[in-house]
Amino acid sequence: MTNLNVQIPDSLYKQIEDLAVKENIPLEQLVAVALSAQVAAWNTKDYLEEKAQRGNWEKFQQVLKKVPDVEPEDDDKL
């Protein structure tokens, strides 16, 4: 494990501290989980942006034209 010493606003620290107490988990664990979730979100965003750049609108339209224009099955309706 690596220690990370950061400065954050007192108001944010208080929110994190209160949430850790509410969730009954150590403050360090809450911060690690929150940071992990944010990193995953950023990585996902970057991945999707890269995939979108490789996409081709014309090919997408060609694929959509192959889909039959029929009503969905009853168990597929929202």
PDB file of N, CA and C in Angstrom:
ATOM      1  N   MET A   1       0.838  -1.190   0.000  1.00  0.00           N
ATOM      2  CA  MET A   1       0.000   0.000   0.000  1.00  0.00           C
ATOM      3  C   MET A   1       0.873   1.240   0.000  1.00  0.00           C
ATOM      4  N   THR A   2       0.351   2.270  -0.616  1.00  0.00           N
ATOM      5  CA  THR A   2       1.051   3.546  -0.663  1.00  0.00           C
ATOM      6  C   THR A   2       0.253   4.580   0.107  1.00  0.00           C
ATOM      7  N   ASN A   3       0.941   5.367   0.883  1.00  0.00           N
ATOM      8  CA  ASN A   3       0.298   6.478   1.581  1.00  0.00           C
ATOM      9  C   ASN A   3       0.275   7.691   0.671  1.00  0.00           C
ATOM     10  N   LEU A   4      -0.817   8.445   0.749  1.00  0.00           N
ATOM     11  CA  LEU A   4      -0.976   9.643  -0.051  1.00  0.00           C
ATOM     12  C   LEU A   4      -1.390  10.777   0.872  1.00  0.00           C
ATOM     13  N   ASN A   5      -0.592  11.819   0.902  1.00  0.00           N
ATOM     14  CA  ASN A   5      -0.879  12.957   1.757  1.00  0.00           C
ATOM     15  C   ASN A   5      -1.396  14.090   0.867  1.00  0.00           C
ATOM     16  N   VAL A   6      -2.664  14.445   1.035  1.00  0.00           N
ATOM     17  CA  VAL A   6      -3.256  15.498   0.208  1.00  0.00           C
ATOM     18  C   VAL A   6      -3.933  16.538   1.085  1.00  0.00           C
ATOM     19  N   GLN A   7      -4.056  17.714   0.532  1.00  0.00           N
ATOM     20  CA  GLN A   7      -4.792  18.766   1.223  1.00  0.00           C
ATOM     21  C   GLN A   7      -6.153  18.915   0.555  1.00  0.00           C
ATOM     22  N   ILE A   8      -7.195  18.899   1.371  1.00  0.00           N
ATOM     23  CA  ILE A   8      -8.558  19.087   0.866  1.00  0.00           C
ATOM     24  C   ILE A   8      -9.248  20.117   1.744  1.00  0.00           C
ATOM     25  N   PRO A   9     -10.278  20.760   1.223  1.00  0.00           N
ATOM     26  CA  PRO A   9     -10.998  21.745   2.030  1.00  0.00           C
ATOM     27  C   PRO A   9     -11.604  21.097   3.287  1.00  0.00           C
ATOM     28  N   ASP A  10     -11.624  21.858   4.346  1.00  0.00           N
ATOM     29  CA  ASP A  10     -12.181  21.355   5.604  1.00  0.00           C
ATOM     30  C   ASP A  10     -13.623  20.880   5.436  1.00  0.00           C
ATOM     31  N   SER A  11     -14.387  21.593   4.621  1.00  0.00           N
ATOM     32  CA  SER A  11     -15.793  21.226   4.433  1.00  0.00           C
ATOM     33  C   SER A  11     -15.929  19.850   3.767  1.00  0.00           C
ATOM     34  N   LEU A  12     -15.042  19.556   2.812  1.00  0.00           N
ATOM     35  CA  LEU A  12     -15.065  18.244   2.164  1.00  0.00           C
ATOM     36  C   LEU A  12     -14.645  17.156   3.146  1.00  0.00           C
ATOM     37  N   TYR A  13     -13.630  17.441   3.933  1.00  0.00           N
ATOM     38  CA  TYR A  13     -13.181  16.466   4.928  1.00  0.00           C
ATOM     39  C   TYR A  13     -14.315  16.127   5.887  1.00  0.00           C
ATOM     40  N   LYS A  14     -15.054  17.129   6.321  1.00  0.00           N
ATOM     41  CA  LYS A  14     -16.164  16.909   7.251  1.00  0.00           C
ATOM     42  C   LYS A  14     -17.230  16.034   6.601  1.00  0.00           C
ATOM     43  N   GLN A  15     -17.524  16.281   5.329  1.00  0.00           N
ATOM     44  CA  GLN A  15     -18.512  15.445   4.626  1.00  0.00           C
ATOM     45  C   GLN A  15     -18.046  13.997   4.549  1.00  0.00           C
ATOM     46  N   ILE A  16     -16.771  13.805   4.233  1.00  0.00           N
ATOM     47  CA  ILE A  16     -16.220  12.451   4.133  1.00  0.00           C
ATOM     48  C   ILE A  16     -16.245  11.775   5.500  1.00  0.00           C
ATOM     49  N   GLU A  17     -15.854  12.515   6.498  1.00  0.00           N
ATOM     50  CA  GLU A  17     -15.840  11.973   7.860  1.00  0.00           C
ATOM     51  C   GLU A  17     -17.245  11.566   8.298  1.00  0.00           C
ATOM     52  N   ASP A  18     -18.221  12.424   8.061  1.00  0.00           N
ATOM     53  CA  ASP A  18     -19.608  12.121   8.427  1.00  0.00           C
ATOM     54  C   ASP A  18     -20.128  10.900   7.678  1.00  0.00           C
ATOM     55  N   LEU A  19     -19.806  10.807   6.397  1.00  0.00           N
ATOM     56  CA  LEU A  19     -20.260   9.681   5.597  1.00  0.00           C
ATOM     57  C   LEU A  19     -19.626   8.375   6.067  1.00  0.00           C
ATOM     58  N   ALA A  20     -18.364   8.415   6.406  1.00  0.00           N
ATOM     59  CA  ALA A  20     -17.686   7.215   6.909  1.00  0.00           C
ATOM     60  C   ALA A  20     -18.335   6.724   8.200  1.00  0.00           C
ATOM     61  N   VAL A  21     -18.679   7.657   9.078  1.00  0.00           N
ATOM     62  CA  VAL A  21     -19.362   7.287  10.318  1.00  0.00           C
ATOM     63  C   VAL A  21     -20.734   6.694   9.997  1.00  0.00           C
ATOM     64  N   LYS A  22     -21.467   7.356   9.113  1.00  0.00           N
ATOM     65  CA  LYS A  22     -22.804   6.890   8.736  1.00  0.00           C
ATOM     66  C   LYS A  22     -22.752   5.485   8.131  1.00  0.00           C
ATOM     67  N   GLU A  23     -21.764   5.232   7.279  1.00  0.00           N
ATOM     68  CA  GLU A  23     -21.632   3.939   6.611  1.00  0.00           C
ATOM     69  C   GLU A  23     -20.871   2.919   7.455  1.00  0.00           C
ATOM     70  N   ASN A  24     -20.364   3.366   8.590  1.00  0.00           N
ATOM     71  CA  ASN A  24     -19.641   2.501   9.522  1.00  0.00           C
ATOM     72  C   ASN A  24     -18.423   1.833   8.861  1.00  0.00           C
ATOM     73  N   ILE A  25     -17.671   2.648   8.134  1.00  0.00           N
ATOM     74  CA  ILE A  25     -16.431   2.159   7.517  1.00  0.00           C
ATOM     75  C   ILE A  25     -15.312   3.146   7.834  1.00  0.00           C
ATOM     76  N   PRO A  26     -14.082   2.665   7.851  1.00  0.00           N
ATOM     77  CA  PRO A  26     -12.964   3.581   8.115  1.00  0.00           C
ATOM     78  C   PRO A  26     -12.887   4.679   7.052  1.00  0.00           C
ATOM     79  N   LEU A  27     -12.494   5.839   7.486  1.00  0.00           N
ATOM     80  CA  LEU A  27     -12.361   6.985   6.591  1.00  0.00           C
ATOM     81  C   LEU A  27     -11.448   6.660   5.418  1.00  0.00           C
ATOM     82  N   GLU A  28     -10.334   5.986   5.670  1.00  0.00           N
ATOM     83  CA  GLU A  28      -9.389   5.638   4.613  1.00  0.00           C
ATOM     84  C   GLU A  28     -10.035   4.734   3.562  1.00  0.00           C
ATOM     85  N   GLN A  29     -10.872   3.805   4.031  1.00  0.00           N
ATOM     86  CA  GLN A  29     -11.549   2.901   3.095  1.00  0.00           C
ATOM     87  C   GLN A  29     -12.545   3.665   2.234  1.00  0.00           C
ATOM     88  N   LEU A  30     -13.280   4.582   2.834  1.00  0.00           N
ATOM     89  CA  LEU A  30     -14.247   5.384   2.075  1.00  0.00           C
ATOM     90  C   LEU A  30     -13.539   6.205   1.002  1.00  0.00           C
ATOM     91  N   VAL A  31     -12.427   6.809   1.350  1.00  0.00           N
ATOM     92  CA  VAL A  31     -11.677   7.620   0.385  1.00  0.00           C
ATOM     93  C   VAL A  31     -11.148   6.739  -0.739  1.00  0.00           C
ATOM     94  N   ALA A  32     -10.629   5.559  -0.404  1.00  0.00           N
ATOM     95  CA  ALA A  32     -10.097   4.657  -1.426  1.00  0.00           C
ATOM     96  C   ALA A  32     -11.204   4.194  -2.376  1.00  0.00           C
ATOM     97  N   VAL A  33     -12.364   3.874  -1.831  1.00  0.00           N
ATOM     98  CA  VAL A  33     -13.492   3.438  -2.667  1.00  0.00           C
ATOM     99  C   VAL A  33     -13.956   4.574  -3.573  1.00  0.00           C
ATOM    100  N   ALA A  34     -14.085   5.762  -3.020  1.00  0.00           N
ATOM    101  CA  ALA A  34     -14.537   6.915  -3.807  1.00  0.00           C
ATOM    102  C   ALA A  34     -13.536   7.255  -4.913  1.00  0.00           C
ATOM    103  N   LEU A  35     -12.259   7.227  -4.580  1.00  0.00           N
ATOM    104  CA  LEU A  35     -11.231   7.527  -5.574  1.00  0.00           C
ATOM    105  C   LEU A  35     -11.205   6.459  -6.666  1.00  0.00           C
ATOM    106  N   SER A  36     -11.351   5.216  -6.268  1.00  0.00           N
ATOM    107  CA  SER A  36     -11.390   4.115  -7.231  1.00  0.00           C
ATOM    108  C   SER A  36     -12.568   4.260  -8.182  1.00  0.00           C
ATOM    109  N   ALA A  37     -13.722   4.610  -7.655  1.00  0.00           N
ATOM    110  CA  ALA A  37     -14.907   4.788  -8.496  1.00  0.00           C
ATOM    111  C   ALA A  37     -14.716   5.925  -9.490  1.00  0.00           C
ATOM    112  N   GLN A  38     -14.109   7.010  -9.050  1.00  0.00           N
ATOM    113  CA  GLN A  38     -13.898   8.152  -9.944  1.00  0.00           C
ATOM    114  C   GLN A  38     -12.883   7.823 -11.029  1.00  0.00           C
ATOM    115  N   VAL A  39     -11.832   7.128 -10.674  1.00  0.00           N
ATOM    116  CA  VAL A  39     -10.830   6.732 -11.670  1.00  0.00           C
ATOM    117  C   VAL A  39     -11.466   5.811 -12.703  1.00  0.00           C
ATOM    118  N   ALA A  40     -12.294   4.871 -12.245  1.00  0.00           N
ATOM    119  CA  ALA A  40     -12.985   3.967 -13.165  1.00  0.00           C
ATOM    120  C   ALA A  40     -13.894   4.753 -14.114  1.00  0.00           C
ATOM    121  N   ALA A  41     -14.581   5.756 -13.594  1.00  0.00           N
ATOM    122  CA  ALA A  41     -15.462   6.571 -14.433  1.00  0.00           C
ATOM    123  C   ALA A  41     -14.659   7.323 -15.494  1.00  0.00           C
ATOM    124  N   TRP A  42     -13.539   7.899 -15.096  1.00  0.00           N
ATOM    125  CA  TRP A  42     -12.691   8.612 -16.065  1.00  0.00           C
ATOM    126  C   TRP A  42     -12.155   7.659 -17.121  1.00  0.00           C
ATOM    127  N   ASN A  43     -11.702   6.481 -16.689  1.00  0.00           N
ATOM    128  CA  ASN A  43     -11.187   5.502 -17.647  1.00  0.00           C
ATOM    129  C   ASN A  43     -12.271   5.050 -18.618  1.00  0.00           C
ATOM    130  N   THR A  44     -13.476   4.857 -18.119  1.00  0.00           N
ATOM    131  CA  THR A  44     -14.590   4.455 -18.977  1.00  0.00           C
ATOM    132  C   THR A  44     -14.902   5.550 -19.983  1.00  0.00           C
ATOM    133  N   LYS A  45     -14.918   6.790 -19.531  1.00  0.00           N
ATOM    134  CA  LYS A  45     -15.174   7.919 -20.427  1.00  0.00           C
ATOM    135  C   LYS A  45     -14.122   7.967 -21.534  1.00  0.00           C
ATOM    136  N   ASP A  46     -12.861   7.828 -21.146  1.00  0.00           N
ATOM    137  CA  ASP A  46     -11.784   7.846 -22.144  1.00  0.00           C
ATOM    138  C   ASP A  46     -11.923   6.688 -23.121  1.00  0.00           C
ATOM    139  N   TYR A  47     -12.253   5.509 -22.624  1.00  0.00           N
ATOM    140  CA  TYR A  47     -12.417   4.328 -23.476  1.00  0.00           C
ATOM    141  C   TYR A  47     -13.547   4.546 -24.484  1.00  0.00           C
ATOM    142  N   LEU A  48     -14.671   5.065 -24.010  1.00  0.00           N
ATOM    143  CA  LEU A  48     -15.806   5.289 -24.906  1.00  0.00           C
ATOM    144  C   LEU A  48     -15.505   6.370 -25.938  1.00  0.00           C
ATOM    145  N   GLU A  49     -14.767   7.389 -25.542  1.00  0.00           N
ATOM    146  CA  GLU A  49     -14.399   8.434 -26.502  1.00  0.00           C
ATOM    147  C   GLU A  49     -13.478   7.870 -27.585  1.00  0.00           C
ATOM    148  N   GLU A  50     -12.551   7.002 -27.200  1.00  0.00           N
ATOM    149  CA  GLU A  50     -11.660   6.380 -28.186  1.00  0.00           C
ATOM    150  C   GLU A  50     -12.452   5.489 -29.142  1.00  0.00           C
ATOM    151  N   LYS A  51     -13.386   4.711 -28.592  1.00  0.00           N
ATOM    152  CA  LYS A  51     -14.216   3.843 -29.436  1.00  0.00           C
ATOM    153  C   LYS A  51     -15.069   4.685 -30.388  1.00  0.00           C
ATOM    154  N   ALA A  52     -15.602   5.786 -29.904  1.00  0.00           N
ATOM    155  CA  ALA A  52     -16.446   6.643 -30.733  1.00  0.00           C
ATOM    156  C   ALA A  52     -15.655   7.242 -31.896  1.00  0.00           C
ATOM    157  N   GLN A  53     -14.404   7.570 -31.654  1.00  0.00           N
ATOM    158  CA  GLN A  53     -13.574   8.135 -32.721  1.00  0.00           C
ATOM    159  C   GLN A  53     -13.322   7.127 -33.836  1.00  0.00           C
ATOM    160  N   ARG A  54     -13.320   5.836 -33.492  1.00  0.00           N
ATOM    161  CA  ARG A  54     -13.086   4.805 -34.498  1.00  0.00           C
ATOM    162  C   ARG A  54     -14.382   4.409 -35.206  1.00  0.00           C
ATOM    163  N   GLY A  55     -15.501   4.891 -34.688  1.00  0.00           N
ATOM    164  CA  GLY A  55     -16.796   4.530 -35.265  1.00  0.00           C
ATOM    165  C   GLY A  55     -17.005   5.149 -36.630  1.00  0.00           C
ATOM    166  N   ASN A  56     -17.954   4.584 -37.345  1.00  0.00           N
ATOM    167  CA  ASN A  56     -18.264   5.063 -38.676  1.00  0.00           C
ATOM    168  C   ASN A  56     -19.782   5.163 -38.807  1.00  0.00           C
ATOM    169  N   TRP A  57     -20.271   6.383 -38.960  1.00  0.00           N
ATOM    170  CA  TRP A  57     -21.714   6.618 -39.002  1.00  0.00           C
ATOM    171  C   TRP A  57     -22.376   5.900 -40.180  1.00  0.00           C
ATOM    172  N   GLU A  58     -21.742   5.885 -41.307  1.00  0.00           N
ATOM    173  CA  GLU A  58     -22.328   5.244 -42.486  1.00  0.00           C
ATOM    174  C   GLU A  58     -22.473   3.727 -42.264  1.00  0.00           C
ATOM    175  N   LYS A  59     -21.457   3.100 -41.712  1.00  0.00           N
ATOM    176  CA  LYS A  59     -21.542   1.665 -41.426  1.00  0.00           C
ATOM    177  C   LYS A  59     -22.636   1.374 -40.399  1.00  0.00           C
ATOM    178  N   PHE A  60     -22.762   2.247 -39.422  1.00  0.00           N
ATOM    179  CA  PHE A  60     -23.812   2.096 -38.415  1.00  0.00           C
ATOM    180  C   PHE A  60     -25.185   2.149 -39.076  1.00  0.00           C
ATOM    181  N   GLN A  61     -25.383   3.096 -39.985  1.00  0.00           N
ATOM    182  CA  GLN A  61     -26.651   3.218 -40.692  1.00  0.00           C
ATOM    183  C   GLN A  61     -26.931   1.969 -41.540  1.00  0.00           C
ATOM    184  N   GLN A  62     -25.890   1.414 -42.151  1.00  0.00           N
ATOM    185  CA  GLN A  62     -26.056   0.201 -42.955  1.00  0.00           C
ATOM    186  C   GLN A  62     -26.524  -0.965 -42.084  1.00  0.00           C
ATOM    187  N   VAL A  63     -25.977  -1.078 -40.912  1.00  0.00           N
ATOM    188  CA  VAL A  63     -26.390  -2.146 -39.993  1.00  0.00           C
ATOM    189  C   VAL A  63     -27.830  -1.937 -39.558  1.00  0.00           C
ATOM    190  N   LEU A  64     -28.183  -0.704 -39.235  1.00  0.00           N
ATOM    191  CA  LEU A  64     -29.561  -0.429 -38.808  1.00  0.00           C
ATOM    192  C   LEU A  64     -30.577  -0.762 -39.892  1.00  0.00           C
ATOM    193  N   LYS A  65     -30.203  -0.575 -41.142  1.00  0.00           N
ATOM    194  CA  LYS A  65     -31.121  -0.884 -42.246  1.00  0.00           C
ATOM    195  C   LYS A  65     -31.443  -2.376 -42.304  1.00  0.00           C
ATOM    196  N   LYS A  66     -30.587  -3.217 -41.730  1.00  0.00           N
ATOM    197  CA  LYS A  66     -30.816  -4.659 -41.730  1.00  0.00           C
ATOM    198  C   LYS A  66     -31.797  -5.100 -40.647  1.00  0.00           C
ATOM    199  N   VAL A  67     -32.087  -4.232 -39.708  1.00  0.00           N
ATOM    200  CA  VAL A  67     -32.993  -4.574 -38.611  1.00  0.00           C
ATOM    201  C   VAL A  67     -34.426  -4.455 -39.109  1.00  0.00           C
ATOM    202  N   PRO A  68     -35.217  -5.531 -38.954  1.00  0.00           N
ATOM    203  CA  PRO A  68     -36.597  -5.469 -39.442  1.00  0.00           C
ATOM    204  C   PRO A  68     -37.424  -4.459 -38.642  1.00  0.00           C
ATOM    205  N   ASP A  69     -38.327  -3.794 -39.325  1.00  0.00           N
ATOM    206  CA  ASP A  69     -39.190  -2.792 -38.703  1.00  0.00           C
ATOM    207  C   ASP A  69     -40.465  -3.470 -38.219  1.00  0.00           C
ATOM    208  N   VAL A  70     -40.362  -4.132 -37.074  1.00  0.00           N
ATOM    209  CA  VAL A  70     -41.505  -4.851 -36.497  1.00  0.00           C
ATOM    210  C   VAL A  70     -41.649  -4.453 -35.033  1.00  0.00           C
ATOM    211  N   GLU A  71     -42.837  -4.674 -34.511  1.00  0.00           N
ATOM    212  CA  GLU A  71     -43.084  -4.412 -33.091  1.00  0.00           C
ATOM    213  C   GLU A  71     -42.283  -5.418 -32.260  1.00  0.00           C
ATOM    214  N   PRO A  72     -41.766  -4.991 -31.110  1.00  0.00           N
ATOM    215  CA  PRO A  72     -41.033  -5.931 -30.261  1.00  0.00           C
ATOM    216  C   PRO A  72     -41.970  -6.955 -29.628  1.00  0.00           C
ATOM    217  N   GLU A  73     -41.404  -8.072 -29.225  1.00  0.00           N
ATOM    218  CA  GLU A  73     -42.167  -9.083 -28.509  1.00  0.00           C
ATOM    219  C   GLU A  73     -42.707  -8.452 -27.225  1.00  0.00           C
ATOM    220  N   ASP A  74     -43.786  -9.003 -26.687  1.00  0.00           N
ATOM    221  CA  ASP A  74     -44.376  -8.446 -25.484  1.00  0.00           C
ATOM    222  C   ASP A  74     -43.384  -8.363 -24.317  1.00  0.00           C
ATOM    223  N   ASP A  75     -42.549  -9.380 -24.178  1.00  0.00           N
ATOM    224  CA  ASP A  75     -41.594  -9.374 -23.061  1.00  0.00           C
ATOM    225  C   ASP A  75     -40.395  -8.453 -23.310  1.00  0.00           C
ATOM    226  N   ASP A  76     -40.308  -7.849 -24.491  1.00  0.00           N
ATOM    227  CA  ASP A  76     -39.235  -6.887 -24.780  1.00  0.00           C
ATOM    228  C   ASP A  76     -39.706  -5.439 -24.694  1.00  0.00           C
ATOM    229  N   LYS A  77     -40.994  -5.223 -24.481  1.00  0.00           N
ATOM    230  CA  LYS A  77     -41.519  -3.859 -24.407  1.00  0.00           C
ATOM    231  C   LYS A  77     -41.251  -3.255 -23.034  1.00  0.00           C
ATOM    232  N   LEU A  78     -41.058  -1.961 -23.036  1.00  0.00           N
ATOM    233  CA  LEU A  78     -40.849  -1.241 -21.764  1.00  0.00           C
ATOM    234  C   LEU A  78     -42.168  -0.974 -21.096  1.00  0.00           C
TER     235      LEU A  78
END
